[in-house]
C-alpha atoms as a PDB file:
ATOM      1  CA  MET A   1      27.326  31.082 -38.319  1.00  0.00           C
ATOM      2  CA  ASN A   2      29.759  32.627 -35.842  1.00  0.00           C
ATOM      3  CA  GLU A   3      31.516  29.278 -35.393  1.00  0.00           C
ATOM      4  CA  ALA A   4      31.844  28.845 -39.161  1.00  0.00           C
ATOM      5  CA  ASN A   5      33.229  32.355 -39.528  1.00  0.00           C
ATOM      6  CA  ALA A   6      35.723  31.765 -36.720  1.00  0.00           C
ATOM      7  CA  ARG A   7      36.982  28.583 -38.311  1.00  0.00           C
ATOM      8  CA  SER A   8      37.247  30.161 -41.760  1.00  0.00           C
ATOM      9  CA  THR A   9      39.302  33.055 -40.388  1.00  0.00           C
ATOM     10  CA  THR A  10      41.665  30.926 -38.283  1.00  0.00           C
ATOM     11  CA  SER A  11      42.312  28.188 -40.823  1.00  0.00           C
ATOM     12  CA  PRO A  12      44.390  30.254 -43.295  1.00  0.00           C
ATOM     13  CA  SER A  13      46.603  31.639 -40.529  1.00  0.00           C
ATOM     14  CA  ARG A  14      47.186  28.125 -39.242  1.00  0.00           C
ATOM     15  CA  ASP A  15      48.281  26.974 -42.700  1.00  0.00           C
ATOM     16  CA  VAL A  16      50.598  29.975 -43.153  1.00  0.00           C
ATOM     17  CA  SER A  17      52.269  29.490 -39.763  1.00  0.00           C
ATOM     18  CA  ALA A  18      52.571  25.748 -40.256  1.00  0.00           C
ATOM     19  CA  ALA A  19      54.476  26.086 -43.544  1.00  0.00           C
ATOM     20  CA  PRO A  20      57.725  27.600 -42.119  1.00  0.00           C
ATOM     21  CA  ARG A  21      57.628  25.169 -39.189  1.00  0.00           C
ATOM     22  CA  ASP A  22      57.482  22.207 -41.559  1.00  0.00           C
ATOM     23  CA  ARG A  23      60.329  23.460 -43.743  1.00  0.00           C
ATOM     24  CA  LEU A  24      63.141  21.993 -41.621  1.00  0.00           C
ATOM     25  CA  PRO A  25      61.502  18.530 -41.261  1.00  0.00           C
ATOM     26  CA  SER A  26      60.910  18.469 -45.026  1.00  0.00           C
ATOM     27  CA  ILE A  27      64.558  19.292 -45.734  1.00  0.00           C
ATOM     28  CA  ALA A  28      65.709  16.644 -43.246  1.00  0.00           C
ATOM     29  CA  LEU A  29      63.431  14.074 -44.901  1.00  0.00           C
ATOM     30  CA  ILE A  30      64.850  14.780 -48.360  1.00  0.00           C
ATOM     31  CA  LEU A  31      68.468  14.689 -47.138  1.00  0.00           C
ATOM     32  CA  ALA A  32      67.922  11.356 -45.366  1.00  0.00           C
ATOM     33  CA  ASN A  33      66.396   9.915 -48.529  1.00  0.00           C
ATOM     34  CA  LEU A  34      69.394  11.048 -50.591  1.00  0.00           C
ATOM     35  CA  ILE A  35      71.795   8.811 -48.652  1.00  0.00           C
ATOM     36  CA  PRO A  36      70.694   5.656 -50.550  1.00  0.00           C
ATOM     37  CA  LEU A  37      71.800   7.393 -53.764  1.00  0.00           C
ATOM     38  CA  VAL A  38      75.349   7.314 -52.407  1.00  0.00           C
ATOM     39  CA  GLY A  39      74.932   3.625 -51.636  1.00  0.00           C
ATOM     40  CA  VAL A  40      73.721   2.869 -55.144  1.00  0.00           C
ATOM     41  CA  ALA A  41      76.401   4.954 -56.879  1.00  0.00           C
ATOM     42  CA  LEU A  42      79.426   4.134 -54.715  1.00  0.00           C
ATOM     43  CA  LEU A  43      78.655   1.050 -52.626  1.00  0.00           C
ATOM     44  CA  HIS A  44      76.874  -1.028 -55.280  1.00  0.00           C
ATOM     45  CA  TRP A  45      73.647  -1.535 -53.325  1.00  0.00           C
ATOM     46  CA  ASP A  46      71.040  -3.673 -55.068  1.00  0.00           C
ATOM     47  CA  ALA A  47      67.238  -3.694 -54.754  1.00  0.00           C
ATOM     48  CA  PHE A  48      67.255  -5.962 -51.697  1.00  0.00           C
ATOM     49  CA  ASP A  49      69.813  -3.750 -49.932  1.00  0.00           C
ATOM     50  CA  LEU A  50      67.658  -0.679 -50.547  1.00  0.00           C
ATOM     51  CA  ILE A  51      64.352  -2.176 -49.494  1.00  0.00           C
ATOM     52  CA  SER A  52      65.776  -3.888 -46.414  1.00  0.00           C
ATOM     53  CA  LEU A  53      67.247  -0.549 -45.318  1.00  0.00           C
ATOM     54  CA  TYR A  54      63.895   1.123 -45.937  1.00  0.00           C
ATOM     55  CA  TRP A  55      62.288  -1.542 -43.719  1.00  0.00           C
ATOM     56  CA  PHE A  56      64.174  -0.116 -40.738  1.00  0.00           C
ATOM     57  CA  GLU A  57      62.227   3.099 -41.246  1.00  0.00           C
ATOM     58  CA  ASN A  58      59.228   1.180 -39.880  1.00  0.00           C
ATOM     59  CA  LEU A  59      61.041   0.884 -36.547  1.00  0.00           C
ATOM     60  CA  VAL A  60      61.964   4.565 -36.554  1.00  0.00           C
ATOM     61  CA  ILE A  61      58.368   5.601 -37.281  1.00  0.00           C
ATOM     62  CA  GLY A  62      57.111   3.246 -34.564  1.00  0.00           C
ATOM     63  CA  PHE A  63      59.545   4.703 -32.019  1.00  0.00           C
ATOM     64  CA  TYR A  64      58.395   8.270 -32.608  1.00  0.00           C
ATOM     65  CA  THR A  65      54.741   7.224 -32.775  1.00  0.00           C
ATOM     66  CA  LEU A  66      55.126   5.893 -29.231  1.00  0.00           C
ATOM     67  CA  GLY A  67      56.404   9.321 -28.238  1.00  0.00           C
ATOM     68  CA  LYS A  68      53.418  10.993 -29.889  1.00  0.00           C
ATOM     69  CA  ILE A  69      50.986   8.677 -28.095  1.00  0.00           C
ATOM     70  CA  LEU A  70      52.565   9.491 -24.733  1.00  0.00           C
ATOM     71  CA  LEU A  71      52.339  13.234 -25.472  1.00  0.00           C
ATOM     72  CA  VAL A  72      48.757  13.360 -26.785  1.00  0.00           C
ATOM     73  CA  SER A  73      46.517  15.598 -24.686  1.00  0.00           C
ATOM     74  CA  HIS A  74      43.106  14.124 -25.567  1.00  0.00           C
ATOM     75  CA  SER A  75      41.734  10.590 -25.552  1.00  0.00           C
ATOM     76  CA  ALA A  76      38.725  11.952 -27.480  1.00  0.00           C
ATOM     77  CA  PRO A  77      37.548  15.459 -28.440  1.00  0.00           C
ATOM     78  CA  GLY A  78      36.940  17.345 -25.211  1.00  0.00           C
ATOM     79  CA  ARG A  79      38.246  14.503 -23.022  1.00  0.00           C
ATOM     80  CA  PRO A  80      41.755  14.808 -21.526  1.00  0.00           C
ATOM     81  CA  ALA A  81      43.969  11.738 -21.877  1.00  0.00           C
ATOM     82  CA  SER A  82      45.072  10.272 -18.556  1.00  0.00           C
ATOM     83  CA  LEU A  83      48.521   8.771 -18.076  1.00  0.00           C
ATOM     84  CA  LYS A  84      46.889   5.345 -17.695  1.00  0.00           C
ATOM     85  CA  ALA A  85      45.046   5.707 -21.018  1.00  0.00           C
ATOM     86  CA  ARG A  86      48.201   6.836 -22.811  1.00  0.00           C
ATOM     87  CA  ALA A  87      50.234   3.953 -21.364  1.00  0.00           C
ATOM     88  CA  ALA A  88      47.555   1.396 -22.311  1.00  0.00           C
ATOM     89  CA  THR A  89      47.351   2.779 -25.847  1.00  0.00           C
ATOM     90  CA  ALA A  90      51.146   2.712 -26.178  1.00  0.00           C
ATOM     91  CA  LEU A  91      51.227  -0.934 -25.049  1.00  0.00           C
ATOM     92  CA  PHE A  92      48.489  -1.903 -27.503  1.00  0.00           C
ATOM     93  CA  PHE A  93      50.340  -0.081 -30.271  1.00  0.00           C
ATOM     94  CA  LEU A  94      53.518  -2.038 -29.481  1.00  0.00           C
ATOM     95  CA  VAL A  95      51.599  -5.294 -29.902  1.00  0.00           C
ATOM     96  CA  HIS A  96      49.890  -4.705 -33.251  1.00  0.00           C
ATOM     97  CA  TYR A  97      52.713  -2.625 -34.732  1.00  0.00           C
ATOM     98  CA  GLY A  98      55.246  -5.290 -33.759  1.00  0.00           C
ATOM     99  CA  ILE A  99      53.155  -7.908 -35.559  1.00  0.00           C
ATOM    100  CA  PHE A 100      52.890  -5.654 -38.615  1.00  0.00           C
ATOM    101  CA  CYS A 101      56.648  -4.996 -38.783  1.00  0.00           C
ATOM    102  CA  GLY A 102      57.462  -8.679 -38.317  1.00  0.00           C
ATOM    103  CA  ALA A 103      55.068  -9.819 -41.043  1.00  0.00           C
ATOM    104  CA  HIS A 104      56.312  -7.114 -43.398  1.00  0.00           C
ATOM    105  CA  GLY A 105      59.929  -8.086 -42.741  1.00  0.00           C
ATOM    106  CA  LEU A 106      59.278 -11.784 -43.319  1.00  0.00           C
ATOM    107  CA  LEU A 107      57.570 -10.958 -46.623  1.00  0.00           C
ATOM    108  CA  LEU A 108      60.544  -8.851 -47.643  1.00  0.00           C
ATOM    109  CA  VAL A 109      63.076 -11.571 -46.789  1.00  0.00           C
ATOM    110  CA  SER A 110      61.091 -14.381 -48.391  1.00  0.00           C
ATOM    111  CA  VAL A 111      60.535 -12.466 -51.656  1.00  0.00           C
ATOM    112  CA  LEU A 112      63.777 -10.563 -52.178  1.00  0.00           C
ATOM    113  CA  SER A 113      66.503 -12.081 -49.995  1.00  0.00           C
ATOM    114  CA  PRO A 114      69.424 -13.451 -52.020  1.00  0.00           C
ATOM    115  CA  GLY A 115      69.902 -16.188 -49.419  1.00  0.00           C
ATOM    116  CA  SER A 116      67.590 -18.280 -47.305  1.00  0.00           C
ATOM    117  CA  GLY A 117      65.361 -16.694 -44.707  1.00  0.00           C
ATOM    118  CA  SER A 118      65.127 -19.937 -42.734  1.00  0.00           C
ATOM    119  CA  PRO A 119      67.472 -18.730 -39.934  1.00  0.00           C
ATOM    120  CA  LEU A 120      64.699 -16.311 -38.971  1.00  0.00           C
ATOM    121  CA  MET A 121      62.406 -19.151 -38.006  1.00  0.00           C
ATOM    122  CA  THR A 122      64.639 -21.160 -35.637  1.00  0.00           C
ATOM    123  CA  SER A 123      63.996 -21.610 -31.926  1.00  0.00           C
ATOM    124  CA  ASP A 124      67.171 -19.646 -31.168  1.00  0.00           C
ATOM    125  CA  THR A 125      65.904 -16.477 -32.839  1.00  0.00           C
ATOM    126  CA  LEU A 126      62.172 -16.496 -32.098  1.00  0.00           C
ATOM    127  CA  LEU A 127      60.700 -15.308 -28.815  1.00  0.00           C
ATOM    128  CA  ALA A 128      58.670 -17.804 -26.808  1.00  0.00           C
ATOM    129  CA  GLY A 129      54.956 -18.064 -26.079  1.00  0.00           C
ATOM    130  CA  PRO A 130      52.643 -15.116 -26.757  1.00  0.00           C
ATOM    131  CA  LEU A 131      55.654 -12.920 -27.588  1.00  0.00           C
ATOM    132  CA  LEU A 132      56.258 -14.966 -30.748  1.00  0.00           C
ATOM    133  CA  PHE A 133      54.187 -12.731 -33.036  1.00  0.00           C
ATOM    134  CA  VAL A 134      54.724  -9.480 -31.125  1.00  0.00           C
ATOM    135  CA  GLY A 135      58.504  -9.872 -31.294  1.00  0.00           C
ATOM    136  CA  LEU A 136      58.696 -11.300 -34.788  1.00  0.00           C
ATOM    137  CA  TRP A 137      60.365  -8.108 -35.958  1.00  0.00           C
ATOM    138  CA  VAL A 138      63.369  -8.760 -33.677  1.00  0.00           C
ATOM    139  CA  PRO A 139      64.939 -11.667 -35.642  1.00  0.00           C
ATOM    140  CA  VAL A 140      64.105  -9.845 -38.885  1.00  0.00           C
ATOM    141  CA  ALA A 141      65.996  -6.778 -37.658  1.00  0.00           C
ATOM    142  CA  ARG A 142      68.959  -8.893 -36.539  1.00  0.00           C
ATOM    143  CA  TYR A 143      69.080 -10.741 -39.853  1.00  0.00           C
ATOM    144  CA  LEU A 144      68.888  -7.619 -42.023  1.00  0.00           C
ATOM    145  CA  TRP A 145      71.299  -5.666 -39.818  1.00  0.00           C
ATOM    146  CA  ALA A 146      73.902  -8.448 -39.996  1.00  0.00           C
ATOM    147  CA  LEU A 147      73.856  -8.376 -43.804  1.00  0.00           C
ATOM    148  CA  ASN A 148      75.056  -4.754 -44.012  1.00  0.00           C
ATOM    149  CA  PRO A 149      75.853  -3.493 -40.496  1.00  0.00           C
ATOM    150  CA  HIS A 150      77.738  -0.308 -41.420  1.00  0.00           C
ATOM    151  CA  GLU A 151      75.343   0.765 -44.170  1.00  0.00           C
ATOM    152  CA  THR A 152      72.347  -0.010 -41.986  1.00  0.00           C
ATOM    153  CA  MET A 153      73.765   2.044 -39.122  1.00  0.00           C
ATOM    154  CA  MET A 154      74.351   5.019 -41.440  1.00  0.00           C
ATOM    155  CA  VAL A 155      70.826   4.962 -42.865  1.00  0.00           C
ATOM    156  CA  PHE A 156      69.226   4.217 -39.488  1.00  0.00           C
ATOM    157  CA  VAL A 157      70.909   7.209 -37.832  1.00  0.00           C
ATOM    158  CA  ALA A 158      69.882   9.457 -40.745  1.00  0.00           C
ATOM    159  CA  LEU A 159      66.267   8.302 -40.440  1.00  0.00           C
ATOM    160  CA  MET A 160      66.294   8.799 -36.667  1.00  0.00           C
ATOM    161  CA  ILE A 161      67.503  12.369 -37.173  1.00  0.00           C
ATOM    162  CA  SER A 162      65.033  13.084 -39.991  1.00  0.00           C
ATOM    163  CA  HIS A 163      61.982  11.802 -38.136  1.00  0.00           C
ATOM    164  CA  GLY A 164      63.343  13.239 -34.886  1.00  0.00           C
ATOM    165  CA  VAL A 165      63.395  16.741 -36.361  1.00  0.00           C
ATOM    166  CA  SER A 166      59.751  16.326 -37.381  1.00  0.00           C
ATOM    167  CA  PHE A 167      58.863  14.952 -33.943  1.00  0.00           C
ATOM    168  CA  VAL A 168      60.472  17.869 -32.103  1.00  0.00           C
ATOM    169  CA  GLN A 169      59.033  20.495 -34.451  1.00  0.00           C
ATOM    170  CA  ASN A 170      55.481  19.165 -34.634  1.00  0.00           C
ATOM    171  CA  SER A 171      54.855  17.113 -31.481  1.00  0.00           C
ATOM    172  CA  LEU A 172      57.285  18.138 -28.764  1.00  0.00           C
ATOM    173  CA  THR A 173      57.247  21.901 -29.322  1.00  0.00           C
ATOM    174  CA  GLY A 174      54.382  22.212 -31.831  1.00  0.00           C
ATOM    175  CA  GLN A 175      50.611  21.868 -31.567  1.00  0.00           C
ATOM    176  CA  GLU A 176      50.224  18.350 -32.956  1.00  0.00           C
ATOM    177  CA  ARG A 177      49.674  16.793 -29.521  1.00  0.00           C
ATOM    178  CA  GLU A 178      46.765  19.189 -28.946  1.00  0.00           C
ATOM    179  CA  GLN A 179      45.174  18.344 -32.310  1.00  0.00           C
ATOM    180  CA  MET A 180      45.291  14.542 -32.110  1.00  0.00           C
ATOM    181  CA  THR A 181      43.513  11.927 -30.038  1.00  0.00           C
ATOM    182  CA  LEU A 182      44.976   8.650 -28.829  1.00  0.00           C
ATOM    183  CA  LYS A 183      43.129   6.837 -31.602  1.00  0.00           C
ATOM    184  CA  THR A 184      44.374   9.086 -34.403  1.00  0.00           C
ATOM    185  CA  ALA A 185      47.935   9.088 -33.039  1.00  0.00           C
ATOM    186  CA  MET A 186      47.997   5.286 -32.894  1.00  0.00           C
ATOM    187  CA  ALA A 187      46.603   4.880 -36.421  1.00  0.00           C
ATOM    188  CA  ALA A 188      48.656   7.688 -37.992  1.00  0.00           C
ATOM    189  CA  PRO A 189      51.682   5.694 -39.247  1.00  0.00           C
ATOM    190  CA  TYR A 190      49.764   2.995 -41.125  1.00  0.00           C
ATOM    191  CA  PRO A 191      48.493   4.913 -44.196  1.00  0.00           C
ATOM    192  CA  ARG A 192      51.935   6.385 -44.841  1.00  0.00           C
ATOM    193  CA  ILE A 193      53.790   3.100 -44.314  1.00  0.00           C
ATOM    194  CA  LEU A 194      51.385   0.983 -46.365  1.00  0.00           C
ATOM    195  CA  VAL A 195      51.413   3.288 -49.384  1.00  0.00           C
ATOM    196  CA  MET A 196      55.147   3.971 -49.221  1.00  0.00           C
ATOM    197  CA  HIS A 197      56.262   0.370 -48.810  1.00  0.00           C
ATOM    198  CA  ALA A 198      53.772  -1.011 -51.329  1.00  0.00           C
ATOM    199  CA  THR A 199      55.280   1.404 -53.845  1.00  0.00           C
ATOM    200  CA  VAL A 200      58.841   0.502 -52.862  1.00  0.00           C
ATOM    201  CA  LEU A 201      58.221  -3.261 -52.804  1.00  0.00           C
ATOM    202  CA  LEU A 202      56.535  -3.345 -56.211  1.00  0.00           C
ATOM    203  CA  GLY A 203      59.234  -1.123 -57.663  1.00  0.00           C
ATOM    204  CA  GLY A 204      61.896  -3.276 -56.036  1.00  0.00           C
ATOM    205  CA  LEU A 205      60.483  -6.453 -57.542  1.00  0.00           C
ATOM    206  CA  LEU A 206      60.609  -4.839 -60.981  1.00  0.00           C
ATOM    207  CA  VAL A 207      64.180  -3.639 -60.463  1.00  0.00           C
ATOM    208  CA  GLU A 208      65.237  -7.044 -59.104  1.00  0.00           C
ATOM    209  CA  ALA A 209      63.763  -8.742 -62.163  1.00  0.00           C
ATOM    210  CA  MET A 210      65.965  -6.467 -64.282  1.00  0.00           C
ATOM    211  CA  HIS A 211      69.044  -7.478 -62.227  1.00  0.00           C
ATOM    212  CA  SER A 212      69.251  -4.145 -60.402  1.00  0.00           C
ATOM    213  CA  PRO A 213      70.613  -1.759 -63.058  1.00  0.00           C
ATOM    214  CA  VAL A 214      71.942   1.424 -61.475  1.00  0.00           C
ATOM    215  CA  ALA A 215      69.585   3.694 -63.426  1.00  0.00           C
ATOM    216  CA  MET A 216      66.533   1.772 -62.196  1.00  0.00           C
ATOM    217  CA  LEU A 217      67.836   1.776 -58.616  1.00  0.00           C
ATOM    218  CA  ILE A 218      68.242   5.547 -58.773  1.00  0.00           C
ATOM    219  CA  LEU A 219      64.701   5.802 -60.139  1.00  0.00           C
ATOM    220  CA  LEU A 220      63.477   3.639 -57.246  1.00  0.00           C
ATOM    221  CA  VAL A 221      65.166   5.936 -54.707  1.00  0.00           C
ATOM    222  CA  ALA A 222      63.662   8.990 -56.419  1.00  0.00           C
ATOM    223  CA  LEU A 223      60.203   7.395 -56.419  1.00  0.00           C
ATOM    224  CA  LYS A 224      60.442   6.511 -52.739  1.00  0.00           C
ATOM    225  CA  THR A 225      61.626  10.026 -51.876  1.00  0.00           C
ATOM    226  CA  TYR A 226      58.761  11.629 -53.805  1.00  0.00           C
ATOM    227  CA  VAL A 227      56.103   9.365 -52.276  1.00  0.00           C
ATOM    228  CA  ASP A 228      57.569   9.820 -48.792  1.00  0.00           C
ATOM    229  CA  PHE A 229      57.600  13.617 -49.158  1.00  0.00           C
ATOM    230  CA  ARG A 230      54.033  13.784 -50.466  1.00  0.00           C
ATOM    231  CA  LEU A 231      52.761  11.535 -47.673  1.00  0.00           C
ATOM    232  CA  HIS A 232      54.666  13.593 -45.103  1.00  0.00           C
ATOM    233  CA  ARG A 233      53.001  16.787 -46.337  1.00  0.00           C
ATOM    234  CA  LYS A 234      49.599  15.126 -46.326  1.00  0.00           C
ATOM    235  CA  GLU A 235      50.172  13.886 -42.781  1.00  0.00           C
ATOM    236  CA  ARG A 236      51.194  17.359 -41.609  1.00  0.00           C
ATOM    237  CA  HIS A 237      48.119  18.911 -43.259  1.00  0.00           C
ATOM    238  CA  ARG A 238      45.847  16.351 -41.609  1.00  0.00           C
ATOM    239  CA  SER A 239      47.382  16.749 -38.149  1.00  0.00           C
ATOM    240  CA  ALA A 240      47.106  20.560 -38.386  1.00  0.00           C
ATOM    241  CA  ARG A 241      43.323  20.353 -38.378  1.00  0.00           C
ATOM    242  CA  PRO A 242      41.777  21.207 -34.997  1.00  0.00           C
ATOM    243  CA  LEU A 243      39.802  18.582 -33.124  1.00  0.00           C
ATOM    244  CA  PRO A 244      36.034  18.774 -33.728  1.00  0.00           C
ATOM    245  CA  MET A 245      34.149  20.697 -31.078  1.00  0.00           C
ATOM    246  CA  THR A 246      32.093  18.755 -28.561  1.00  0.00           C
ATOM    247  CA  PRO A 247      28.388  19.678 -28.148  1.00  0.00           C
ATOM    248  CA  ALA A 248      29.226  21.415 -24.872  1.00  0.00           C
ATOM    249  CA  GLU A 249      32.004  23.444 -26.493  1.00  0.00           C
ATOM    250  CA  GLY A 250      29.741  24.314 -29.409  1.00  0.00           C
ATOM    251  CA  ALA A 251      27.019  25.560 -27.090  1.00  0.00           C
ATOM    252  CA  ALA A 252      29.512  27.630 -25.104  1.00  0.00           C
ATOM    253  CA  SER A 253      31.060  29.283 -28.170  1.00  0.00           C
ATOM    254  CA  PRO A 254      29.692  32.750 -29.095  1.00  0.00           C
END
């Protein structure tokens, strides 16, 4: 009963204090997502340009997820995370996340690319041996970057800043690293990425079929921004929850 009362009294204060802290990351997220509107209105970006630029957000999210993994304090509730455990988890994340980004990028190029994606699959671009699947995202990134280098740089920097603000606010100086385990930190990006990019890809296919009218492209950017913002808020709410108490901690609590 005492434990339940303690949690019920601390939870509201946590939510109230978390709201101002998340305000700056939320603003940065919205501003970064507004940049594609400029591309659509002034630079004549089409659906493939938009979605290929959004693909680079996978790399940005992966970069900051590595940072979160290396900062996490617990490998499990009540069990501190050693440097060895954090390094091993980070390495494992690089493997399966690299495969995911590569497969996602190949799907994007094969479905929406205006040209041929065959240059991605040559011996000059692919890594050798067991690194083939892990590094599949590398030729995808090179291919997409070469199509629109200046636009890609602009959006990539904006995304790095947007996600960097959230990382500093919530992980580096906030309490997120105390409220996550290695497992939850490693799995955290997938729900957001899967939902966001499924929405963007399906919307992009529809817009592409309509020959990328500007109004539909603007609607696609607005849809992506809304979904991204909602998923960001959901992620922040989930990470603000305290870790469950271990039996020993429960017995020791008054």
